[in-house]
Amino acid sequence: MIRKQKGITLKRLADGVCSVSFLSKFERGDSDITLGLMTKILEKLMMNFEEFFYIHHDFQPDKIEQFFKATGTAYLNRDANELRRLKSD
């Protein structure tokens, strides 16, 4: 939705980052993406993670802060189960 609203083609967004087929699968929810690839895609969209979460998931800023705090805590505690739960949520 964001890519289309910005008038960017799959080919243009994927260029130098990943394959068009991978990006298409990710957009459809058929593939997971690494943090590194997501960062590159957001850079090409001229967005940061907070903007993406707010627009894509209609998050409120306090929910974004809670998500990153919970993720950071789970990472520091090496809590793989909590990280998986946060990912699926």
PDB file of N, CA and C in Angstrom:
ATOM      1  N   MET A   1       0.822  -1.181   0.000  1.00  0.00           N
ATOM      2  CA  MET A   1       0.000   0.000   0.000  1.00  0.00           C
ATOM      3  C   MET A   1       0.875   1.257   0.000  1.00  0.00           C
ATOM      4  N   ILE A   2       1.879   1.284   0.850  1.00  0.00           N
ATOM      5  CA  ILE A   2       2.745   2.464   0.943  1.00  0.00           C
ATOM      6  C   ILE A   2       3.506   2.661  -0.354  1.00  0.00           C
ATOM      7  N   ARG A   3       4.066   1.574  -0.878  1.00  0.00           N
ATOM      8  CA  ARG A   3       4.831   1.661  -2.129  1.00  0.00           C
ATOM      9  C   ARG A   3       3.943   2.181  -3.252  1.00  0.00           C
ATOM     10  N   LYS A   4       2.748   1.633  -3.353  1.00  0.00           N
ATOM     11  CA  LYS A   4       1.824   2.042  -4.411  1.00  0.00           C
ATOM     12  C   LYS A   4       1.399   3.491  -4.251  1.00  0.00           C
ATOM     13  N   GLN A   5       1.152   3.932  -3.012  1.00  0.00           N
ATOM     14  CA  GLN A   5       0.763   5.318  -2.776  1.00  0.00           C
ATOM     15  C   GLN A   5       1.866   6.285  -3.178  1.00  0.00           C
ATOM     16  N   LYS A   6       3.103   5.839  -3.064  1.00  0.00           N
ATOM     17  CA  LYS A   6       4.237   6.682  -3.446  1.00  0.00           C
ATOM     18  C   LYS A   6       4.551   6.580  -4.939  1.00  0.00           C
ATOM     19  N   GLY A   7       3.818   5.716  -5.651  1.00  0.00           N
ATOM     20  CA  GLY A   7       4.018   5.572  -7.090  1.00  0.00           C
ATOM     21  C   GLY A   7       5.309   4.877  -7.465  1.00  0.00           C
ATOM     22  N   ILE A   8       5.776   3.977  -6.617  1.00  0.00           N
ATOM     23  CA  ILE A   8       7.030   3.263  -6.856  1.00  0.00           C
ATOM     24  C   ILE A   8       6.715   1.839  -7.293  1.00  0.00           C
ATOM     25  N   THR A   9       7.338   1.403  -8.361  1.00  0.00           N
ATOM     26  CA  THR A   9       7.121   0.054  -8.858  1.00  0.00           C
ATOM     27  C   THR A   9       7.903  -0.962  -8.014  1.00  0.00           C
ATOM     28  N   LEU A  10       7.477  -2.212  -8.080  1.00  0.00           N
ATOM     29  CA  LEU A  10       8.213  -3.284  -7.416  1.00  0.00           C
ATOM     30  C   LEU A  10       9.652  -3.321  -7.907  1.00  0.00           C
ATOM     31  N   LYS A  11       9.823  -3.201  -9.213  1.00  0.00           N
ATOM     32  CA  LYS A  11      11.158  -3.272  -9.811  1.00  0.00           C
ATOM     33  C   LYS A  11      12.060  -2.167  -9.273  1.00  0.00           C
ATOM     34  N   ARG A  12      11.535  -0.960  -9.213  1.00  0.00           N
ATOM     35  CA  ARG A  12      12.326   0.184  -8.739  1.00  0.00           C
ATOM     36  C   ARG A  12      12.688   0.025  -7.263  1.00  0.00           C
ATOM     37  N   LEU A  13      11.737  -0.431  -6.444  1.00  0.00           N
ATOM     38  CA  LEU A  13      12.011  -0.585  -5.021  1.00  0.00           C
ATOM     39  C   LEU A  13      12.981  -1.734  -4.757  1.00  0.00           C
ATOM     40  N   ALA A  14      12.857  -2.798  -5.503  1.00  0.00           N
ATOM     41  CA  ALA A  14      13.719  -3.966  -5.308  1.00  0.00           C
ATOM     42  C   ALA A  14      15.134  -3.746  -5.833  1.00  0.00           C
ATOM     43  N   ASP A  15      15.297  -2.840  -6.780  1.00  0.00           N
ATOM     44  CA  ASP A  15      16.592  -2.614  -7.439  1.00  0.00           C
ATOM     45  C   ASP A  15      17.715  -2.369  -6.425  1.00  0.00           C
ATOM     46  N   GLY A  16      18.714  -3.247  -6.452  1.00  0.00           N
ATOM     47  CA  GLY A  16      19.865  -3.119  -5.579  1.00  0.00           C
ATOM     48  C   GLY A  16      19.631  -3.612  -4.158  1.00  0.00           C
ATOM     49  N   VAL A  17      18.423  -4.106  -3.873  1.00  0.00           N
ATOM     50  CA  VAL A  17      18.093  -4.560  -2.516  1.00  0.00           C
ATOM     51  C   VAL A  17      17.785  -6.052  -2.490  1.00  0.00           C
ATOM     52  N   CYS A  18      16.878  -6.470  -3.355  1.00  0.00           N
ATOM     53  CA  CYS A  18      16.440  -7.865  -3.383  1.00  0.00           C
ATOM     54  C   CYS A  18      15.791  -8.124  -4.738  1.00  0.00           C
ATOM     55  N   SER A  19      15.334  -9.349  -4.944  1.00  0.00           N
ATOM     56  CA  SER A  19      14.669  -9.666  -6.203  1.00  0.00           C
ATOM     57  C   SER A  19      13.232  -9.141  -6.180  1.00  0.00           C
ATOM     58  N   VAL A  20      12.699  -8.883  -7.351  1.00  0.00           N
ATOM     59  CA  VAL A  20      11.314  -8.436  -7.476  1.00  0.00           C
ATOM     60  C   VAL A  20      10.379  -9.507  -6.932  1.00  0.00           C
ATOM     61  N   SER A  21      10.684 -10.774  -7.217  1.00  0.00           N
ATOM     62  CA  SER A  21       9.809 -11.850  -6.747  1.00  0.00           C
ATOM     63  C   SER A  21       9.799 -11.930  -5.227  1.00  0.00           C
ATOM     64  N   PHE A  22      10.963 -11.737  -4.591  1.00  0.00           N
ATOM     65  CA  PHE A  22      11.009 -11.758  -3.132  1.00  0.00           C
ATOM     66  C   PHE A  22      10.182 -10.608  -2.558  1.00  0.00           C
ATOM     67  N   LEU A  23      10.350  -9.413  -3.105  1.00  0.00           N
ATOM     68  CA  LEU A  23       9.616  -8.253  -2.612  1.00  0.00           C
ATOM     69  C   LEU A  23       8.110  -8.461  -2.779  1.00  0.00           C
ATOM     70  N   SER A  24       7.710  -9.037  -3.892  1.00  0.00           N
ATOM     71  CA  SER A  24       6.304  -9.323  -4.122  1.00  0.00           C
ATOM     72  C   SER A  24       5.767 -10.311  -3.089  1.00  0.00           C
ATOM     73  N   LYS A  25       6.538 -11.352  -2.795  1.00  0.00           N
ATOM     74  CA  LYS A  25       6.135 -12.335  -1.782  1.00  0.00           C
ATOM     75  C   LYS A  25       6.017 -11.677  -0.409  1.00  0.00           C
ATOM     76  N   PHE A  26       6.962 -10.790  -0.081  1.00  0.00           N
ATOM     77  CA  PHE A  26       6.918 -10.102   1.201  1.00  0.00           C
ATOM     78  C   PHE A  26       5.675  -9.218   1.301  1.00  0.00           C
ATOM     79  N   GLU A  27       5.380  -8.486   0.242  1.00  0.00           N
ATOM     80  CA  GLU A  27       4.201  -7.615   0.249  1.00  0.00           C
ATOM     81  C   GLU A  27       2.908  -8.402   0.426  1.00  0.00           C
ATOM     82  N   ARG A  28       2.866  -9.597  -0.124  1.00  0.00           N
ATOM     83  CA  ARG A  28       1.666 -10.438   0.007  1.00  0.00           C
ATOM     84  C   ARG A  28       1.603 -11.155   1.356  1.00  0.00           C
ATOM     85  N   GLY A  29       2.694 -11.099   2.118  1.00  0.00           N
ATOM     86  CA  GLY A  29       2.735 -11.789   3.400  1.00  0.00           C
ATOM     87  C   GLY A  29       3.163 -13.234   3.274  1.00  0.00           C
ATOM     88  N   ASP A  30       3.720 -13.602   2.119  1.00  0.00           N
ATOM     89  CA  ASP A  30       4.140 -14.979   1.878  1.00  0.00           C
ATOM     90  C   ASP A  30       5.596 -15.243   2.248  1.00  0.00           C
ATOM     91  N   SER A  31       6.314 -14.199   2.696  1.00  0.00           N
ATOM     92  CA  SER A  31       7.721 -14.358   3.036  1.00  0.00           C
ATOM     93  C   SER A  31       8.086 -13.388   4.149  1.00  0.00           C
ATOM     94  N   ASP A  32       8.979 -13.831   5.020  1.00  0.00           N
ATOM     95  CA  ASP A  32       9.513 -12.952   6.052  1.00  0.00           C
ATOM     96  C   ASP A  32      10.681 -12.169   5.472  1.00  0.00           C
ATOM     97  N   ILE A  33      11.062 -11.097   6.162  1.00  0.00           N
ATOM     98  CA  ILE A  33      12.144 -10.254   5.681  1.00  0.00           C
ATOM     99  C   ILE A  33      13.114 -10.014   6.821  1.00  0.00           C
ATOM    100  N   THR A  34      14.384  -9.860   6.476  1.00  0.00           N
ATOM    101  CA  THR A  34      15.376  -9.574   7.506  1.00  0.00           C
ATOM    102  C   THR A  34      15.319  -8.085   7.858  1.00  0.00           C
ATOM    103  N   LEU A  35      15.841  -7.770   9.014  1.00  0.00           N
ATOM    104  CA  LEU A  35      15.885  -6.380   9.457  1.00  0.00           C
ATOM    105  C   LEU A  35      16.721  -5.546   8.491  1.00  0.00           C
ATOM    106  N   GLY A  36      17.804  -6.118   7.997  1.00  0.00           N
ATOM    107  CA  GLY A  36      18.669  -5.403   7.058  1.00  0.00           C
ATOM    108  C   GLY A  36      17.959  -5.046   5.765  1.00  0.00           C
ATOM    109  N   LEU A  37      17.233  -6.019   5.198  1.00  0.00           N
ATOM    110  CA  LEU A  37      16.492  -5.741   3.960  1.00  0.00           C
ATOM    111  C   LEU A  37      15.365  -4.743   4.202  1.00  0.00           C
ATOM    112  N   MET A  38      14.686  -4.883   5.330  1.00  0.00           N
ATOM    113  CA  MET A  38      13.604  -3.952   5.634  1.00  0.00           C
ATOM    114  C   MET A  38      14.138  -2.535   5.776  1.00  0.00           C
ATOM    115  N   THR A  39      15.291  -2.391   6.395  1.00  0.00           N
ATOM    116  CA  THR A  39      15.909  -1.078   6.547  1.00  0.00           C
ATOM    117  C   THR A  39      16.207  -0.473   5.184  1.00  0.00           C
ATOM    118  N   LYS A  40      16.759  -1.263   4.283  1.00  0.00           N
ATOM    119  CA  LYS A  40      17.083  -0.765   2.934  1.00  0.00           C
ATOM    120  C   LYS A  40      15.820  -0.363   2.174  1.00  0.00           C
ATOM    121  N   ILE A  41      14.777  -1.164   2.302  1.00  0.00           N
ATOM    122  CA  ILE A  41      13.521  -0.850   1.613  1.00  0.00           C
ATOM    123  C   ILE A  41      12.924   0.439   2.167  1.00  0.00           C
ATOM    124  N   LEU A  42      12.937   0.571   3.484  1.00  0.00           N
ATOM    125  CA  LEU A  42      12.403   1.801   4.081  1.00  0.00           C
ATOM    126  C   LEU A  42      13.218   3.023   3.675  1.00  0.00           C
ATOM    127  N   GLU A  43      14.532   2.870   3.555  1.00  0.00           N
ATOM    128  CA  GLU A  43      15.373   3.980   3.089  1.00  0.00           C
ATOM    129  C   GLU A  43      14.956   4.411   1.683  1.00  0.00           C
ATOM    130  N   LYS A  44      14.708   3.429   0.828  1.00  0.00           N
ATOM    131  CA  LYS A  44      14.284   3.758  -0.539  1.00  0.00           C
ATOM    132  C   LYS A  44      12.899   4.390  -0.563  1.00  0.00           C
ATOM    133  N   LEU A  45      12.064   4.058   0.426  1.00  0.00           N
ATOM    134  CA  LEU A  45      10.738   4.666   0.534  1.00  0.00           C
ATOM    135  C   LEU A  45      10.788   6.002   1.282  1.00  0.00           C
ATOM    136  N   MET A  46      11.999   6.357   1.761  1.00  0.00           N
ATOM    137  CA  MET A  46      12.228   7.577   2.541  1.00  0.00           C
ATOM    138  C   MET A  46      11.361   7.585   3.804  1.00  0.00           C
ATOM    139  N   MET A  47      11.422   6.461   4.527  1.00  0.00           N
ATOM    140  CA  MET A  47      10.652   6.296   5.760  1.00  0.00           C
ATOM    141  C   MET A  47      11.543   5.686   6.831  1.00  0.00           C
ATOM    142  N   ASN A  48      11.149   5.858   8.087  1.00  0.00           N
ATOM    143  CA  ASN A  48      11.814   5.140   9.171  1.00  0.00           C
ATOM    144  C   ASN A  48      10.827   4.110   9.725  1.00  0.00           C
ATOM    145  N   PHE A  49      11.302   3.281  10.647  1.00  0.00           N
ATOM    146  CA  PHE A  49      10.447   2.217  11.187  1.00  0.00           C
ATOM    147  C   PHE A  49       9.204   2.760  11.876  1.00  0.00           C
ATOM    148  N   GLU A  50       9.359   3.848  12.619  1.00  0.00           N
ATOM    149  CA  GLU A  50       8.219   4.403  13.337  1.00  0.00           C
ATOM    150  C   GLU A  50       7.121   4.829  12.368  1.00  0.00           C
ATOM    151  N   GLU A  51       7.516   5.496  11.286  1.00  0.00           N
ATOM    152  CA  GLU A  51       6.540   5.917  10.279  1.00  0.00           C
ATOM    153  C   GLU A  51       5.866   4.705   9.640  1.00  0.00           C
ATOM    154  N   PHE A  52       6.674   3.691   9.327  1.00  0.00           N
ATOM    155  CA  PHE A  52       6.123   2.489   8.715  1.00  0.00           C
ATOM    156  C   PHE A  52       5.085   1.838   9.623  1.00  0.00           C
ATOM    157  N   PHE A  53       5.440   1.629  10.899  1.00  0.00           N
ATOM    158  CA  PHE A  53       4.499   0.995  11.819  1.00  0.00           C
ATOM    159  C   PHE A  53       3.236   1.836  11.983  1.00  0.00           C
ATOM    160  N   TYR A  54       3.400   3.126  12.072  1.00  0.00           N
ATOM    161  CA  TYR A  54       2.240   3.990  12.260  1.00  0.00           C
ATOM    162  C   TYR A  54       1.293   3.907  11.066  1.00  0.00           C
ATOM    163  N   ILE A  55       1.853   3.986   9.868  1.00  0.00           N
ATOM    164  CA  ILE A  55       1.023   3.967   8.657  1.00  0.00           C
ATOM    165  C   ILE A  55       0.482   2.571   8.376  1.00  0.00           C
ATOM    166  N   HIS A  56       1.357   1.580   8.407  1.00  0.00           N
ATOM    167  CA  HIS A  56       0.967   0.231   8.000  1.00  0.00           C
ATOM    168  C   HIS A  56       0.047  -0.455   9.003  1.00  0.00           C
ATOM    169  N   HIS A  57       0.324  -0.278  10.269  1.00  0.00           N
ATOM    170  CA  HIS A  57      -0.450  -0.984  11.288  1.00  0.00           C
ATOM    171  C   HIS A  57      -1.358  -0.060  12.092  1.00  0.00           C
ATOM    172  N   ASP A  58      -1.397   1.201  11.715  1.00  0.00           N
ATOM    173  CA  ASP A  58      -2.201   2.183  12.437  1.00  0.00           C
ATOM    174  C   ASP A  58      -1.885   2.159  13.934  1.00  0.00           C
ATOM    175  N   PHE A  59      -0.588   2.022  14.245  1.00  0.00           N
ATOM    176  CA  PHE A  59      -0.147   2.029  15.635  1.00  0.00           C
ATOM    177  C   PHE A  59      -0.193   3.457  16.166  1.00  0.00           C
ATOM    178  N   GLN A  60      -0.357   3.564  17.437  1.00  0.00           N
ATOM    179  CA  GLN A  60      -0.220   4.842  18.112  1.00  0.00           C
ATOM    180  C   GLN A  60       1.237   4.941  18.584  1.00  0.00           C
ATOM    181  N   PRO A  61       1.791   6.159  18.692  1.00  0.00           N
ATOM    182  CA  PRO A  61       3.199   6.283  19.097  1.00  0.00           C
ATOM    183  C   PRO A  61       3.532   5.539  20.386  1.00  0.00           C
ATOM    184  N   ASP A  62       2.649   5.531  21.373  1.00  0.00           N
ATOM    185  CA  ASP A  62       2.963   4.835  22.615  1.00  0.00           C
ATOM    186  C   ASP A  62       3.051   3.325  22.402  1.00  0.00           C
ATOM    187  N   LYS A  63       2.273   2.790  21.478  1.00  0.00           N
ATOM    188  CA  LYS A  63       2.352   1.358  21.183  1.00  0.00           C
ATOM    189  C   LYS A  63       3.668   1.020  20.499  1.00  0.00           C
ATOM    190  N   ILE A  64       4.149   1.909  19.656  1.00  0.00           N
ATOM    191  CA  ILE A  64       5.445   1.696  18.997  1.00  0.00           C
ATOM    192  C   ILE A  64       6.543   1.664  20.052  1.00  0.00           C
ATOM    193  N   GLU A  65       6.503   2.614  20.964  1.00  0.00           N
ATOM    194  CA  GLU A  65       7.503   2.654  22.032  1.00  0.00           C
ATOM    195  C   GLU A  65       7.443   1.387  22.876  1.00  0.00           C
ATOM    196  N   GLN A  66       6.246   0.923  23.197  1.00  0.00           N
ATOM    197  CA  GLN A  66       6.089  -0.304  23.974  1.00  0.00           C
ATOM    198  C   GLN A  66       6.651  -1.502  23.217  1.00  0.00           C
ATOM    199  N   PHE A  67       6.397  -1.556  21.907  1.00  0.00           N
ATOM    200  CA  PHE A  67       6.896  -2.655  21.094  1.00  0.00           C
ATOM    201  C   PHE A  67       8.423  -2.691  21.113  1.00  0.00           C
ATOM    202  N   PHE A  68       9.069  -1.541  20.878  1.00  0.00           N
ATOM    203  CA  PHE A  68      10.528  -1.515  20.841  1.00  0.00           C
ATOM    204  C   PHE A  68      11.128  -1.783  22.221  1.00  0.00           C
ATOM    205  N   LYS A  69      10.479  -1.313  23.264  1.00  0.00           N
ATOM    206  CA  LYS A  69      10.961  -1.588  24.615  1.00  0.00           C
ATOM    207  C   LYS A  69      10.866  -3.084  24.907  1.00  0.00           C
ATOM    208  N   ALA A  70       9.728  -3.695  24.588  1.00  0.00           N
ATOM    209  CA  ALA A  70       9.546  -5.133  24.816  1.00  0.00           C
ATOM    210  C   ALA A  70      10.532  -5.946  23.987  1.00  0.00           C
ATOM    211  N   THR A  71      10.749  -5.525  22.750  1.00  0.00           N
ATOM    212  CA  THR A  71      11.703  -6.222  21.883  1.00  0.00           C
ATOM    213  C   THR A  71      13.113  -6.117  22.437  1.00  0.00           C
ATOM    214  N   GLY A  72      13.495  -4.929  22.879  1.00  0.00           N
ATOM    215  CA  GLY A  72      14.827  -4.731  23.455  1.00  0.00           C
ATOM    216  C   GLY A  72      15.033  -5.569  24.704  1.00  0.00           C
ATOM    217  N   THR A  73      14.039  -5.602  25.560  1.00  0.00           N
ATOM    218  CA  THR A  73      14.127  -6.398  26.786  1.00  0.00           C
ATOM    219  C   THR A  73      14.236  -7.883  26.464  1.00  0.00           C
ATOM    220  N   ALA A  74      13.413  -8.348  25.548  1.00  0.00           N
ATOM    221  CA  ALA A  74      13.465  -9.766  25.160  1.00  0.00           C
ATOM    222  C   ALA A  74      14.819 -10.111  24.547  1.00  0.00           C
ATOM    223  N   TYR A  75      15.352  -9.201  23.739  1.00  0.00           N
ATOM    224  CA  TYR A  75      16.658  -9.437  23.120  1.00  0.00           C
ATOM    225  C   TYR A  75      17.754  -9.517  24.185  1.00  0.00           C
ATOM    226  N   LEU A  76      17.746  -8.561  25.106  1.00  0.00           N
ATOM    227  CA  LEU A  76      18.775  -8.549  26.157  1.00  0.00           C
ATOM    228  C   LEU A  76      18.669  -9.783  27.066  1.00  0.00           C
ATOM    229  N   ASN A  77      17.452 -10.257  27.266  1.00  0.00           N
ATOM    230  CA  ASN A  77      17.239 -11.447  28.097  1.00  0.00           C
ATOM    231  C   ASN A  77      17.361 -12.747  27.306  1.00  0.00           C
ATOM    232  N   ARG A  78      17.643 -12.622  26.028  1.00  0.00           N
ATOM    233  CA  ARG A  78      17.763 -13.786  25.141  1.00  0.00           C
ATOM    234  C   ARG A  78      16.524 -14.669  25.212  1.00  0.00           C
ATOM    235  N   ASP A  79      15.365 -13.998  25.214  1.00  0.00           N
ATOM    236  CA  ASP A  79      14.077 -14.680  25.329  1.00  0.00           C
ATOM    237  C   ASP A  79      13.505 -14.903  23.921  1.00  0.00           C
ATOM    238  N   ALA A  80      13.906 -16.016  23.322  1.00  0.00           N
ATOM    239  CA  ALA A  80      13.498 -16.318  21.952  1.00  0.00           C
ATOM    240  C   ALA A  80      11.983 -16.477  21.829  1.00  0.00           C
ATOM    241  N   ASN A  81      11.350 -17.045  22.838  1.00  0.00           N
ATOM    242  CA  ASN A  81       9.889 -17.223  22.786  1.00  0.00           C
ATOM    243  C   ASN A  81       9.177 -15.874  22.748  1.00  0.00           C
ATOM    244  N   GLU A  82       9.636 -14.940  23.568  1.00  0.00           N
ATOM    245  CA  GLU A  82       9.020 -13.610  23.578  1.00  0.00           C
ATOM    246  C   GLU A  82       9.265 -12.890  22.245  1.00  0.00           C
ATOM    247  N   LEU A  83      10.449 -13.028  21.689  1.00  0.00           N
ATOM    248  CA  LEU A  83      10.735 -12.420  20.384  1.00  0.00           C
ATOM    249  C   LEU A  83       9.817 -12.992  19.304  1.00  0.00           C
ATOM    250  N   ARG A  84       9.605 -14.311  19.340  1.00  0.00           N
ATOM    251  CA  ARG A  84       8.691 -14.932  18.368  1.00  0.00           C
ATOM    252  C   ARG A  84       7.261 -14.409  18.558  1.00  0.00           C
ATOM    253  N   ARG A  85       6.838 -14.262  19.819  1.00  0.00           N
ATOM    254  CA  ARG A  85       5.496 -13.755  20.098  1.00  0.00           C
ATOM    255  C   ARG A  85       5.354 -12.317  19.577  1.00  0.00           C
ATOM    256  N   LEU A  86       6.360 -11.489  19.839  1.00  0.00           N
ATOM    257  CA  LEU A  86       6.320 -10.105  19.373  1.00  0.00           C
ATOM    258  C   LEU A  86       6.288 -10.052  17.848  1.00  0.00           C
ATOM    259  N   LYS A  87       7.039 -10.933  17.210  1.00  0.00           N
ATOM    260  CA  LYS A  87       7.054 -10.974  15.750  1.00  0.00           C
ATOM    261  C   LYS A  87       5.667 -11.316  15.208  1.00  0.00           C
ATOM    262  N   SER A  88       5.028 -12.304  15.798  1.00  0.00           N
ATOM    263  CA  SER A  88       3.718 -12.708  15.287  1.00  0.00           C
ATOM    264  C   SER A  88       2.645 -11.661  15.605  1.00  0.00           C
ATOM    265  N   ASP A  89       2.779 -10.973  16.731  1.00  0.00           N
ATOM    266  CA  ASP A  89       1.819  -9.920  17.083  1.00  0.00           C
ATOM    267  C   ASP A  89       1.964  -8.753  16.126  1.00  0.00           C
TER     268      ASP A  89
END
